Amino acid sequence: MPDLRKDPIVNRWVVVNVEDPALPKDYGIVPFVWKGDKDCAFCYGNEHLTPPEIEAVSETWRAPNTPGWKVRVVPNKFPALKIEGELDKRAIGMYDVSNGIGAHEVIIDSPHHFKTIAELTDSEVQYMLKVYRSRTLDLRKDRRFKYLLIFKNVGAEAGASLEHGHSQLIALPMVPKNVLDEVKGARHFYEYRERCIFCDMIAYEQENGKERIVTENEDFVSFCPLSSRFSFETWVIPKEHSMDFGEINDERIKKLAKILKDSLSRLKKVLGEHPYNYIIHTSPVNTDAHFSYHWHIEIMPKLSRVAGFEWGSGFYVVGTPPDIAAKLLREAV
């Protein structure tokens, strides 16, 4: 009989197949077929094919929009939201409407077309994470923005339209519902128990056999949550309470780079080249953000389709229980 499990943060239910767990071979993952870097706008020498860069990291001096960079940030050519203009909130009958104000940036992770984060050096992953931080610190200066969403799509099934490794940052003029649900859940737990629910989750995993922990270091732990929505879903979370990713210092970025790369490397060893998304969950900006929130990264492999049952019920069906997923990932060394 399967388990029904409730997420303690947002009260979402999942169905976990504990009776006949799926193994990686059961998902029919089709390996990536790399098309190559010909005319790739994100490769060295093709900087003229993107909009002018917003920011770039390099180890030596270089002219803007030329080769030699380690990480490069450009506006999205087809932005979901645009930075110019006024929000102009208004009503159309019973509906709330505003102009599509925001920002949409592309963070080119590295100049290497064929390398995923798992193949980058620790230093290269650090460069990328430092740019994540610098862009969030810069964009929050615009008081119109209330949430800064950093995410990565890998593989067409996960929404990536280009194969060269890149991340995206979208600045939003309101806090998304998914974020509000997490923030409210964390605040409700704190008001009831005077503790951080995320810190309690870490403590529970540490004190109960560590069967869902994948890997850890001094500052971070990587684990598969008991109420995961997706098979092999993996969270990377700071052990010390921190509500805002933008507050991370350089020393902790080094530790985060190592454990993020390690987690993605283990997923690749177990699942092969597979589609996935990761999202940095952090507190809202320019609004009342409660200190009970705890930032983290959620890595979500795309191994099965979300279909009618999931859309209709809000439940997720998980083929591989998180303890089995974590065991396979722990052993992938």
C-alpha atoms as a PDB file:
ATOM      1  CA  MET A   1       0.000   0.000   0.000  1.00  0.00           C
ATOM      2  CA  PRO A   2       1.386   3.453  -0.868  1.00  0.00           C
ATOM      3  CA  ASP A   3       2.002   6.176   1.710  1.00  0.00           C
ATOM      4  CA  LEU A   4       0.087   9.451   1.788  1.00  0.00           C
ATOM      5  CA  ARG A   5       2.467  12.076   3.181  1.00  0.00           C
ATOM      6  CA  LYS A   6       1.762  15.697   4.056  1.00  0.00           C
ATOM      7  CA  ASP A   7       4.297  18.471   3.535  1.00  0.00           C
ATOM      8  CA  PRO A   8       4.485  20.238   6.933  1.00  0.00           C
ATOM      9  CA  ILE A   9       5.356  23.616   5.396  1.00  0.00           C
ATOM     10  CA  VAL A  10       2.584  24.140   2.829  1.00  0.00           C
ATOM     11  CA  ASN A  11       0.227  21.264   3.788  1.00  0.00           C
ATOM     12  CA  ARG A  12       0.492  19.638   0.348  1.00  0.00           C
ATOM     13  CA  TRP A  13      -0.096  15.884   0.055  1.00  0.00           C
ATOM     14  CA  VAL A  14       2.023  13.422  -1.921  1.00  0.00           C
ATOM     15  CA  VAL A  15       1.518   9.753  -2.782  1.00  0.00           C
ATOM     16  CA  VAL A  16       4.718   7.742  -2.280  1.00  0.00           C
ATOM     17  CA  ASN A  17       5.135   4.299  -3.829  1.00  0.00           C
ATOM     18  CA  VAL A  18       6.688   2.406  -0.907  1.00  0.00           C
ATOM     19  CA  GLU A  19       5.325  -0.999  -2.000  1.00  0.00           C
ATOM     20  CA  ASP A  20       7.015  -1.342  -5.389  1.00  0.00           C
ATOM     21  CA  PRO A  21       9.602   1.462  -5.615  1.00  0.00           C
ATOM     22  CA  ALA A  22      10.794   2.582  -9.037  1.00  0.00           C
ATOM     23  CA  LEU A  23      14.528   2.404  -9.716  1.00  0.00           C
ATOM     24  CA  PRO A  24      16.427   4.687 -12.120  1.00  0.00           C
ATOM     25  CA  LYS A  25      16.202   2.125 -14.945  1.00  0.00           C
ATOM     26  CA  ASP A  26      12.398   2.197 -14.701  1.00  0.00           C
ATOM     27  CA  TYR A  27      12.095   5.830 -15.792  1.00  0.00           C
ATOM     28  CA  GLY A  28      13.245   5.353 -19.383  1.00  0.00           C
ATOM     29  CA  ILE A  29      15.502   8.399 -19.263  1.00  0.00           C
ATOM     30  CA  VAL A  30      16.685   9.342 -22.746  1.00  0.00           C
ATOM     31  CA  PRO A  31      20.287  10.672 -22.610  1.00  0.00           C
ATOM     32  CA  PHE A  32      20.959  14.129 -24.019  1.00  0.00           C
ATOM     33  CA  VAL A  33      22.126  14.338 -27.603  1.00  0.00           C
ATOM     34  CA  TRP A  34      24.416  17.360 -27.704  1.00  0.00           C
ATOM     35  CA  LYS A  35      23.913  19.359 -30.895  1.00  0.00           C
ATOM     36  CA  GLY A  36      27.138  21.309 -30.607  1.00  0.00           C
ATOM     37  CA  ASP A  37      28.248  24.885 -30.168  1.00  0.00           C
ATOM     38  CA  LYS A  38      28.043  26.192 -33.739  1.00  0.00           C
ATOM     39  CA  ASP A  39      26.522  29.679 -33.658  1.00  0.00           C
ATOM     40  CA  CYS A  40      25.747  29.357 -29.922  1.00  0.00           C
ATOM     41  CA  ALA A  41      25.116  32.869 -28.612  1.00  0.00           C
ATOM     42  CA  PHE A  42      26.556  31.928 -25.206  1.00  0.00           C
ATOM     43  CA  CYS A  43      29.969  30.727 -26.451  1.00  0.00           C
ATOM     44  CA  TYR A  44      33.190  32.754 -26.685  1.00  0.00           C
ATOM     45  CA  GLY A  45      33.333  34.938 -29.783  1.00  0.00           C
ATOM     46  CA  ASN A  46      29.548  35.208 -30.132  1.00  0.00           C
ATOM     47  CA  GLU A  47      28.988  37.915 -27.536  1.00  0.00           C
ATOM     48  CA  HIS A  48      27.530  40.135 -30.271  1.00  0.00           C
ATOM     49  CA  LEU A  49      24.626  37.674 -30.614  1.00  0.00           C
ATOM     50  CA  THR A  50      23.247  38.573 -27.159  1.00  0.00           C
ATOM     51  CA  PRO A  51      22.010  41.907 -25.824  1.00  0.00           C
ATOM     52  CA  PRO A  52      24.817  43.964 -24.202  1.00  0.00           C
ATOM     53  CA  GLU A  53      25.980  42.401 -20.943  1.00  0.00           C
ATOM     54  CA  ILE A  54      24.755  43.646 -17.585  1.00  0.00           C
ATOM     55  CA  GLU A  55      27.594  42.111 -15.592  1.00  0.00           C
ATOM     56  CA  ALA A  56      30.510  39.777 -16.188  1.00  0.00           C
ATOM     57  CA  VAL A  57      33.203  38.087 -14.123  1.00  0.00           C
ATOM     58  CA  SER A  58      36.728  37.682 -15.464  1.00  0.00           C
ATOM     59  CA  GLU A  59      40.133  37.040 -13.941  1.00  0.00           C
ATOM     60  CA  THR A  60      41.870  39.673 -16.083  1.00  0.00           C
ATOM     61  CA  TRP A  61      40.782  42.926 -17.689  1.00  0.00           C
ATOM     62  CA  ARG A  62      38.592  42.600 -20.776  1.00  0.00           C
ATOM     63  CA  ALA A  63      36.464  44.964 -22.800  1.00  0.00           C
ATOM     64  CA  PRO A  64      32.711  44.491 -22.292  1.00  0.00           C
ATOM     65  CA  ASN A  65      31.014  42.005 -24.634  1.00  0.00           C
ATOM     66  CA  THR A  66      34.243  40.251 -25.600  1.00  0.00           C
ATOM     67  CA  PRO A  67      35.663  36.803 -24.761  1.00  0.00           C
ATOM     68  CA  GLY A  68      37.609  36.141 -21.562  1.00  0.00           C
ATOM     69  CA  TRP A  69      34.702  36.063 -19.087  1.00  0.00           C
ATOM     70  CA  LYS A  70      33.964  33.362 -16.513  1.00  0.00           C
ATOM     71  CA  VAL A  71      30.273  34.178 -15.967  1.00  0.00           C
ATOM     72  CA  ARG A  72      28.233  36.609 -18.020  1.00  0.00           C
ATOM     73  CA  VAL A  73      24.807  38.206 -17.407  1.00  0.00           C
ATOM     74  CA  VAL A  74      22.662  39.539 -20.252  1.00  0.00           C
ATOM     75  CA  PRO A  75      19.021  40.603 -20.573  1.00  0.00           C
ATOM     76  CA  ASN A  76      16.741  37.853 -21.831  1.00  0.00           C
ATOM     77  CA  LYS A  77      16.004  38.421 -25.530  1.00  0.00           C
ATOM     78  CA  PHE A  78      12.405  37.385 -24.948  1.00  0.00           C
ATOM     79  CA  PRO A  79      11.677  38.651 -21.425  1.00  0.00           C
ATOM     80  CA  ALA A  80       8.665  37.497 -19.456  1.00  0.00           C
ATOM     81  CA  LEU A  81       8.585  40.958 -17.850  1.00  0.00           C
ATOM     82  CA  LYS A  82      10.162  44.313 -18.739  1.00  0.00           C
ATOM     83  CA  ILE A  83      11.923  46.747 -16.447  1.00  0.00           C
ATOM     84  CA  GLU A  84      10.800  49.972 -18.147  1.00  0.00           C
ATOM     85  CA  GLY A  85       7.564  51.673 -17.104  1.00  0.00           C
ATOM     86  CA  GLU A  86       5.211  51.919 -14.157  1.00  0.00           C
ATOM     87  CA  LEU A  87       3.349  49.102 -12.458  1.00  0.00           C
ATOM     88  CA  ASP A  88      -0.052  50.873 -12.694  1.00  0.00           C
ATOM     89  CA  LYS A  89      -2.140  48.517 -10.557  1.00  0.00           C
ATOM     90  CA  ARG A  90      -5.806  48.659 -11.489  1.00  0.00           C
ATOM     91  CA  ALA A  91      -9.032  46.686 -11.526  1.00  0.00           C
ATOM     92  CA  ILE A  92     -10.939  45.270 -14.469  1.00  0.00           C
ATOM     93  CA  GLY A  93     -14.199  44.288 -12.872  1.00  0.00           C
ATOM     94  CA  MET A  94     -13.370  41.711 -10.214  1.00  0.00           C
ATOM     95  CA  TYR A  95      -9.837  41.162 -11.593  1.00  0.00           C
ATOM     96  CA  ASP A  96      -6.588  42.777 -10.432  1.00  0.00           C
ATOM     97  CA  VAL A  97      -4.366  43.862 -13.329  1.00  0.00           C
ATOM     98  CA  SER A  98      -1.045  45.679 -13.666  1.00  0.00           C
ATOM     99  CA  ASN A  99       1.589  46.324 -16.286  1.00  0.00           C
ATOM    100  CA  GLY A 100       4.140  43.535 -16.819  1.00  0.00           C
ATOM    101  CA  ILE A 101       6.930  45.244 -14.900  1.00  0.00           C
ATOM    102  CA  GLY A 102       9.921  43.243 -13.722  1.00  0.00           C
ATOM    103  CA  ALA A 103      13.331  42.125 -14.906  1.00  0.00           C
ATOM    104  CA  HIS A 104      14.418  39.000 -16.754  1.00  0.00           C
ATOM    105  CA  GLU A 105      18.113  38.197 -16.952  1.00  0.00           C
ATOM    106  CA  VAL A 106      20.123  35.243 -18.257  1.00  0.00           C
ATOM    107  CA  ILE A 107      23.175  34.160 -16.267  1.00  0.00           C
ATOM    108  CA  ILE A 108      25.542  32.235 -18.539  1.00  0.00           C
ATOM    109  CA  ASP A 109      27.096  29.795 -16.070  1.00  0.00           C
ATOM    110  CA  SER A 110      30.428  29.380 -17.852  1.00  0.00           C
ATOM    111  CA  PRO A 111      31.953  29.666 -21.342  1.00  0.00           C
ATOM    112  CA  HIS A 112      32.005  25.848 -21.681  1.00  0.00           C
ATOM    113  CA  HIS A 113      29.263  24.726 -24.031  1.00  0.00           C
ATOM    114  CA  PHE A 114      29.402  21.024 -23.191  1.00  0.00           C
ATOM    115  CA  LYS A 115      29.882  21.237 -19.408  1.00  0.00           C
ATOM    116  CA  THR A 116      27.126  20.940 -16.829  1.00  0.00           C
ATOM    117  CA  ILE A 117      27.643  22.144 -13.265  1.00  0.00           C
ATOM    118  CA  ALA A 118      28.764  18.628 -12.356  1.00  0.00           C
ATOM    119  CA  GLU A 119      31.767  19.043 -14.704  1.00  0.00           C
ATOM    120  CA  LEU A 120      32.737  22.592 -13.699  1.00  0.00           C
ATOM    121  CA  THR A 121      35.517  23.210 -11.200  1.00  0.00           C
ATOM    122  CA  ASP A 122      34.664  24.330  -7.679  1.00  0.00           C
ATOM    123  CA  SER A 123      35.990  27.807  -8.551  1.00  0.00           C
ATOM    124  CA  GLU A 124      33.761  28.032 -11.625  1.00  0.00           C
ATOM    125  CA  VAL A 125      30.674  27.130  -9.569  1.00  0.00           C
ATOM    126  CA  GLN A 126      31.708  29.746  -7.010  1.00  0.00           C
ATOM    127  CA  TYR A 127      31.869  32.405  -9.741  1.00  0.00           C
ATOM    128  CA  MET A 128      28.327  31.495 -10.779  1.00  0.00           C
ATOM    129  CA  LEU A 129      26.966  31.617  -7.213  1.00  0.00           C
ATOM    130  CA  LYS A 130      28.654  34.958  -6.559  1.00  0.00           C
ATOM    131  CA  VAL A 131      26.918  36.378  -9.618  1.00  0.00           C
ATOM    132  CA  TYR A 132      23.594  35.012  -8.338  1.00  0.00           C
ATOM    133  CA  ARG A 133      24.254  36.957  -5.138  1.00  0.00           C
ATOM    134  CA  SER A 134      25.410  40.160  -6.822  1.00  0.00           C
ATOM    135  CA  ARG A 135      22.414  40.290  -9.155  1.00  0.00           C
ATOM    136  CA  THR A 136      19.935  39.807  -6.298  1.00  0.00           C
ATOM    137  CA  LEU A 137      21.649  42.528  -4.255  1.00  0.00           C
ATOM    138  CA  ASP A 138      21.546  44.898  -7.222  1.00  0.00           C
ATOM    139  CA  LEU A 139      17.956  44.260  -8.295  1.00  0.00           C
ATOM    140  CA  ARG A 140      16.516  44.578  -4.787  1.00  0.00           C
ATOM    141  CA  LYS A 141      17.521  48.249  -4.883  1.00  0.00           C
ATOM    142  CA  ASP A 142      14.519  48.736  -7.181  1.00  0.00           C
ATOM    143  CA  ARG A 143      11.707  49.115  -4.656  1.00  0.00           C
ATOM    144  CA  ARG A 144       9.140  47.932  -7.218  1.00  0.00           C
ATOM    145  CA  PHE A 145      10.466  44.383  -6.925  1.00  0.00           C
ATOM    146  CA  LYS A 146       9.179  42.107  -4.159  1.00  0.00           C
ATOM    147  CA  TYR A 147      10.668  38.762  -5.144  1.00  0.00           C
ATOM    148  CA  LEU A 148      13.832  37.676  -6.983  1.00  0.00           C
ATOM    149  CA  LEU A 149      13.523  34.211  -8.494  1.00  0.00           C
ATOM    150  CA  ILE A 150      16.699  32.401  -9.569  1.00  0.00           C
ATOM    151  CA  PHE A 151      16.185  29.119 -11.389  1.00  0.00           C
ATOM    152  CA  LYS A 152      17.887  26.753 -13.798  1.00  0.00           C
ATOM    153  CA  ASN A 153      16.313  24.556 -16.478  1.00  0.00           C
ATOM    154  CA  VAL A 154      18.382  21.679 -17.874  1.00  0.00           C
ATOM    155  CA  GLY A 155      17.100  19.691 -20.843  1.00  0.00           C
ATOM    156  CA  ALA A 156      14.157  20.352 -23.141  1.00  0.00           C
ATOM    157  CA  GLU A 157      11.768  18.381 -20.898  1.00  0.00           C
ATOM    158  CA  ALA A 158      12.631  20.789 -18.083  1.00  0.00           C
ATOM    159  CA  GLY A 159      12.016  23.872 -20.226  1.00  0.00           C
ATOM    160  CA  ALA A 160      15.509  24.671 -21.513  1.00  0.00           C
ATOM    161  CA  SER A 161      15.477  26.114 -25.034  1.00  0.00           C
ATOM    162  CA  LEU A 162      19.293  26.292 -25.271  1.00  0.00           C
ATOM    163  CA  GLU A 163      21.753  23.564 -24.303  1.00  0.00           C
ATOM    164  CA  HIS A 164      24.652  25.823 -23.205  1.00  0.00           C
ATOM    165  CA  GLY A 165      24.462  25.930 -19.402  1.00  0.00           C
ATOM    166  CA  HIS A 166      22.655  28.983 -18.098  1.00  0.00           C
ATOM    167  CA  SER A 167      20.433  30.126 -15.261  1.00  0.00           C
ATOM    168  CA  GLN A 168      17.737  32.782 -15.165  1.00  0.00           C
ATOM    169  CA  LEU A 169      16.716  35.506 -12.754  1.00  0.00           C
ATOM    170  CA  ILE A 170      13.247  37.059 -12.850  1.00  0.00           C
ATOM    171  CA  ALA A 171      12.423  40.017 -10.607  1.00  0.00           C
ATOM    172  CA  LEU A 172       8.709  40.183  -9.771  1.00  0.00           C
ATOM    173  CA  PRO A 173       6.613  43.105  -8.513  1.00  0.00           C
ATOM    174  CA  MET A 174       4.678  40.808  -6.170  1.00  0.00           C
ATOM    175  CA  VAL A 175       5.434  37.726  -4.070  1.00  0.00           C
ATOM    176  CA  PRO A 176       4.363  34.537  -5.949  1.00  0.00           C
ATOM    177  CA  LYS A 177       1.737  32.310  -4.335  1.00  0.00           C
ATOM    178  CA  ASN A 178       4.125  29.368  -3.978  1.00  0.00           C
ATOM    179  CA  VAL A 179       6.529  31.580  -2.042  1.00  0.00           C
ATOM    180  CA  LEU A 180       3.738  33.075   0.068  1.00  0.00           C
ATOM    181  CA  ASP A 181       2.571  29.583   1.000  1.00  0.00           C
ATOM    182  CA  GLU A 182       6.065  28.670   2.214  1.00  0.00           C
ATOM    183  CA  VAL A 183       6.557  31.966   4.062  1.00  0.00           C
ATOM    184  CA  LYS A 184       3.157  31.688   5.752  1.00  0.00           C
ATOM    185  CA  GLY A 185       3.763  28.047   6.658  1.00  0.00           C
ATOM    186  CA  ALA A 186       7.140  28.865   8.211  1.00  0.00           C
ATOM    187  CA  ARG A 187       5.675  31.806  10.120  1.00  0.00           C
ATOM    188  CA  HIS A 188       2.711  29.779  11.398  1.00  0.00           C
ATOM    189  CA  PHE A 189       5.060  27.052  12.670  1.00  0.00           C
ATOM    190  CA  TYR A 190       7.265  29.640  14.391  1.00  0.00           C
ATOM    191  CA  GLU A 191       4.316  31.356  16.062  1.00  0.00           C
ATOM    192  CA  TYR A 192       3.051  27.981  17.312  1.00  0.00           C
ATOM    193  CA  ARG A 193       6.375  26.413  18.382  1.00  0.00           C
ATOM    194  CA  GLU A 194       8.889  29.307  18.417  1.00  0.00           C
ATOM    195  CA  ARG A 195      11.217  27.368  16.131  1.00  0.00           C
ATOM    196  CA  CYS A 196      12.124  27.378  12.433  1.00  0.00           C
ATOM    197  CA  ILE A 197      10.370  24.539  10.609  1.00  0.00           C
ATOM    198  CA  PHE A 198      13.307  24.133   8.217  1.00  0.00           C
ATOM    199  CA  CYS A 199      15.794  23.903  11.114  1.00  0.00           C
ATOM    200  CA  ASP A 200      13.512  21.264  12.637  1.00  0.00           C
ATOM    201  CA  MET A 201      13.536  19.326   9.355  1.00  0.00           C
ATOM    202  CA  ILE A 202      17.355  19.347   9.353  1.00  0.00           C
ATOM    203  CA  ALA A 203      17.453  18.240  12.999  1.00  0.00           C
ATOM    204  CA  TYR A 204      14.974  15.437  12.317  1.00  0.00           C
ATOM    205  CA  GLU A 205      17.065  14.103   9.425  1.00  0.00           C
ATOM    206  CA  GLN A 206      20.278  14.347  11.468  1.00  0.00           C
ATOM    207  CA  GLU A 207      18.797  12.618  14.514  1.00  0.00           C
ATOM    208  CA  ASN A 208      16.865   9.812  12.814  1.00  0.00           C
ATOM    209  CA  GLY A 209      19.486   7.695  11.122  1.00  0.00           C
ATOM    210  CA  LYS A 210      20.337  10.162   8.357  1.00  0.00           C
ATOM    211  CA  GLU A 211      18.617   7.807   5.895  1.00  0.00           C
ATOM    212  CA  ARG A 212      17.464  10.681   3.681  1.00  0.00           C
ATOM    213  CA  ILE A 213      20.724  12.671   3.840  1.00  0.00           C
ATOM    214  CA  VAL A 214      22.738  12.555   0.619  1.00  0.00           C
ATOM    215  CA  THR A 215      25.845  14.476   1.682  1.00  0.00           C
ATOM    216  CA  GLU A 216      26.850  17.319   3.994  1.00  0.00           C
ATOM    217  CA  ASN A 217      29.675  19.604   5.017  1.00  0.00           C
ATOM    218  CA  GLU A 218      30.263  22.075   7.851  1.00  0.00           C
ATOM    219  CA  ASP A 219      27.701  24.587   6.612  1.00  0.00           C
ATOM    220  CA  PHE A 220      25.223  22.753   4.360  1.00  0.00           C
ATOM    221  CA  VAL A 221      23.262  19.534   4.135  1.00  0.00           C
ATOM    222  CA  SER A 222      21.813  17.883   1.024  1.00  0.00           C
ATOM    223  CA  PHE A 223      18.825  15.589   1.585  1.00  0.00           C
ATOM    224  CA  CYS A 224      15.704  14.091   0.012  1.00  0.00           C
ATOM    225  CA  PRO A 225      12.688  15.376   2.008  1.00  0.00           C
ATOM    226  CA  LEU A 226      10.248  12.850   3.470  1.00  0.00           C
ATOM    227  CA  SER A 227       7.383  14.538   1.577  1.00  0.00           C
ATOM    228  CA  SER A 228       9.237  15.054  -1.719  1.00  0.00           C
ATOM    229  CA  ARG A 229       7.012  15.894  -4.697  1.00  0.00           C
ATOM    230  CA  PHE A 230       9.332  14.273  -7.237  1.00  0.00           C
ATOM    231  CA  SER A 231      11.454  11.147  -7.312  1.00  0.00           C
ATOM    232  CA  PHE A 232      15.061  12.011  -6.374  1.00  0.00           C
ATOM    233  CA  GLU A 233      14.050  15.547  -5.345  1.00  0.00           C
ATOM    234  CA  THR A 234      17.018  16.921  -3.389  1.00  0.00           C
ATOM    235  CA  TRP A 235      17.293  20.004  -1.194  1.00  0.00           C
ATOM    236  CA  VAL A 236      20.514  21.835  -0.358  1.00  0.00           C
ATOM    237  CA  ILE A 237      20.042  23.938   2.772  1.00  0.00           C
ATOM    238  CA  PRO A 238      22.293  25.900   5.152  1.00  0.00           C
ATOM    239  CA  LYS A 239      22.603  24.330   8.592  1.00  0.00           C
ATOM    240  CA  GLU A 240      22.678  27.733  10.258  1.00  0.00           C
ATOM    241  CA  HIS A 241      19.392  29.634  10.066  1.00  0.00           C
ATOM    242  CA  SER A 242      19.379  32.274   7.329  1.00  0.00           C
ATOM    243  CA  MET A 243      16.333  33.733   5.612  1.00  0.00           C
ATOM    244  CA  ASP A 244      18.036  35.519   2.716  1.00  0.00           C
ATOM    245  CA  PHE A 245      20.314  33.985   0.073  1.00  0.00           C
ATOM    246  CA  GLY A 246      21.695  37.473  -0.607  1.00  0.00           C
ATOM    247  CA  GLU A 247      23.351  37.467   2.830  1.00  0.00           C
ATOM    248  CA  ILE A 248      25.651  34.520   2.070  1.00  0.00           C
ATOM    249  CA  ASN A 249      29.355  35.347   2.477  1.00  0.00           C
ATOM    250  CA  ASP A 250      32.282  34.238   0.306  1.00  0.00           C
ATOM    251  CA  GLU A 251      33.388  31.486   2.689  1.00  0.00           C
ATOM    252  CA  ARG A 252      29.952  29.889   2.669  1.00  0.00           C
ATOM    253  CA  ILE A 253      29.716  30.278  -1.095  1.00  0.00           C
ATOM    254  CA  LYS A 254      32.785  27.992  -1.273  1.00  0.00           C
ATOM    255  CA  LYS A 255      30.974  25.356   0.803  1.00  0.00           C
ATOM    256  CA  LEU A 256      27.748  25.802  -1.168  1.00  0.00           C
ATOM    257  CA  ALA A 257      29.591  25.403  -4.486  1.00  0.00           C
ATOM    258  CA  LYS A 258      31.084  22.104  -3.306  1.00  0.00           C
ATOM    259  CA  ILE A 259      27.840  20.574  -2.056  1.00  0.00           C
ATOM    260  CA  LEU A 260      25.741  21.804  -4.999  1.00  0.00           C
ATOM    261  CA  LYS A 261      28.251  20.362  -7.461  1.00  0.00           C
ATOM    262  CA  ASP A 262      28.495  17.141  -5.415  1.00  0.00           C
ATOM    263  CA  SER A 263      24.703  16.736  -5.275  1.00  0.00           C
ATOM    264  CA  LEU A 264      24.304  17.290  -9.022  1.00  0.00           C
ATOM    265  CA  SER A 265      27.234  14.940  -9.741  1.00  0.00           C
ATOM    266  CA  ARG A 266      25.589  12.189  -7.688  1.00  0.00           C
ATOM    267  CA  LEU A 267      22.272  12.719  -9.465  1.00  0.00           C
ATOM    268  CA  LYS A 268      24.062  12.453 -12.793  1.00  0.00           C
ATOM    269  CA  LYS A 269      25.844   9.230 -11.755  1.00  0.00           C
ATOM    270  CA  VAL A 270      22.573   7.640 -10.675  1.00  0.00           C
ATOM    271  CA  LEU A 271      20.216   8.998 -13.352  1.00  0.00           C
ATOM    272  CA  GLY A 272      22.590   9.772 -16.224  1.00  0.00           C
ATOM    273  CA  GLU A 273      22.144  12.966 -18.233  1.00  0.00           C
ATOM    274  CA  HIS A 274      18.605  13.784 -17.157  1.00  0.00           C
ATOM    275  CA  PRO A 275      16.369  16.863 -17.323  1.00  0.00           C
ATOM    276  CA  TYR A 276      15.974  18.810 -14.106  1.00  0.00           C
ATOM    277  CA  ASN A 277      15.190  22.187 -12.608  1.00  0.00           C
ATOM    278  CA  TYR A 278      16.628  23.844  -9.578  1.00  0.00           C
ATOM    279  CA  ILE A 279      15.238  26.870  -7.813  1.00  0.00           C
ATOM    280  CA  ILE A 280      16.662  29.054  -5.071  1.00  0.00           C
ATOM    281  CA  HIS A 281      13.918  29.558  -2.487  1.00  0.00           C
ATOM    282  CA  THR A 282      14.661  32.758  -0.553  1.00  0.00           C
ATOM    283  CA  SER A 283      12.753  35.400   1.373  1.00  0.00           C
ATOM    284  CA  PRO A 284      10.885  38.246  -0.337  1.00  0.00           C
ATOM    285  CA  VAL A 285      12.517  41.693  -0.620  1.00  0.00           C
ATOM    286  CA  ASN A 286      11.229  45.238  -0.093  1.00  0.00           C
ATOM    287  CA  THR A 287       8.375  43.942   2.023  1.00  0.00           C
ATOM    288  CA  ASP A 288       7.791  42.535   5.503  1.00  0.00           C
ATOM    289  CA  ALA A 289       9.748  39.272   5.410  1.00  0.00           C
ATOM    290  CA  HIS A 290       9.489  37.190   8.563  1.00  0.00           C
ATOM    291  CA  PHE A 291      12.774  35.873  10.007  1.00  0.00           C
ATOM    292  CA  SER A 292      11.276  32.375  10.374  1.00  0.00           C
ATOM    293  CA  TYR A 293      11.912  31.659   6.683  1.00  0.00           C
ATOM    294  CA  HIS A 294      15.033  29.635   5.758  1.00  0.00           C
ATOM    295  CA  TRP A 295      16.488  29.852   2.258  1.00  0.00           C
ATOM    296  CA  HIS A 296      17.412  26.684   0.356  1.00  0.00           C
ATOM    297  CA  ILE A 297      17.865  25.212  -3.125  1.00  0.00           C
ATOM    298  CA  GLU A 298      15.424  22.625  -4.454  1.00  0.00           C
ATOM    299  CA  ILE A 299      16.676  20.290  -7.216  1.00  0.00           C
ATOM    300  CA  MET A 300      13.829  18.577  -9.064  1.00  0.00           C
ATOM    301  CA  PRO A 301      14.614  15.869 -11.638  1.00  0.00           C
ATOM    302  CA  LYS A 302      11.991  15.538 -14.375  1.00  0.00           C
ATOM    303  CA  LEU A 303      11.561  11.767 -14.534  1.00  0.00           C
ATOM    304  CA  SER A 304       7.782  11.536 -15.043  1.00  0.00           C
ATOM    305  CA  ARG A 305       5.010  13.765 -16.327  1.00  0.00           C
ATOM    306  CA  VAL A 306       2.680  15.835 -14.189  1.00  0.00           C
ATOM    307  CA  ALA A 307      -0.764  14.873 -15.543  1.00  0.00           C
ATOM    308  CA  GLY A 308      -4.478  15.010 -14.793  1.00  0.00           C
ATOM    309  CA  PHE A 309      -4.383  13.536 -11.293  1.00  0.00           C
ATOM    310  CA  GLU A 310      -1.712  15.986 -10.153  1.00  0.00           C
ATOM    311  CA  TRP A 311      -3.365  19.017 -11.760  1.00  0.00           C
ATOM    312  CA  GLY A 312      -6.792  18.036 -10.535  1.00  0.00           C
ATOM    313  CA  SER A 313      -5.909  17.126  -6.953  1.00  0.00           C
ATOM    314  CA  GLY A 314      -2.721  19.049  -6.180  1.00  0.00           C
ATOM    315  CA  PHE A 315      -1.230  15.713  -5.063  1.00  0.00           C
ATOM    316  CA  TYR A 316       2.056  14.476  -6.510  1.00  0.00           C
ATOM    317  CA  VAL A 317       2.865  10.813  -7.179  1.00  0.00           C
ATOM    318  CA  VAL A 318       6.406   9.817  -6.217  1.00  0.00           C
ATOM    319  CA  GLY A 319       7.700   6.581  -7.736  1.00  0.00           C
ATOM    320  CA  THR A 320      10.921   6.321  -5.719  1.00  0.00           C
ATOM    321  CA  PRO A 321      10.648   6.886  -1.947  1.00  0.00           C
ATOM    322  CA  PRO A 322      13.115   9.543  -0.727  1.00  0.00           C
ATOM    323  CA  ASP A 323      14.980   7.177   1.594  1.00  0.00           C
ATOM    324  CA  ILE A 324      15.752   4.853  -1.333  1.00  0.00           C
ATOM    325  CA  ALA A 325      16.668   7.808  -3.561  1.00  0.00           C
ATOM    326  CA  ALA A 326      19.026   9.189  -0.897  1.00  0.00           C
ATOM    327  CA  LYS A 327      20.658   5.771  -0.397  1.00  0.00           C
ATOM    328  CA  LEU A 328      21.370   5.453  -4.118  1.00  0.00           C
ATOM    329  CA  LEU A 329      22.758   9.000  -4.212  1.00  0.00           C
ATOM    330  CA  ARG A 330      24.908   8.452  -1.091  1.00  0.00           C
ATOM    331  CA  GLU A 331      26.444   5.374  -2.649  1.00  0.00           C
ATOM    332  CA  ALA A 332      27.177   7.148  -5.965  1.00  0.00           C
ATOM    333  CA  VAL A 333      30.791   8.074  -5.263  1.00  0.00           C
END
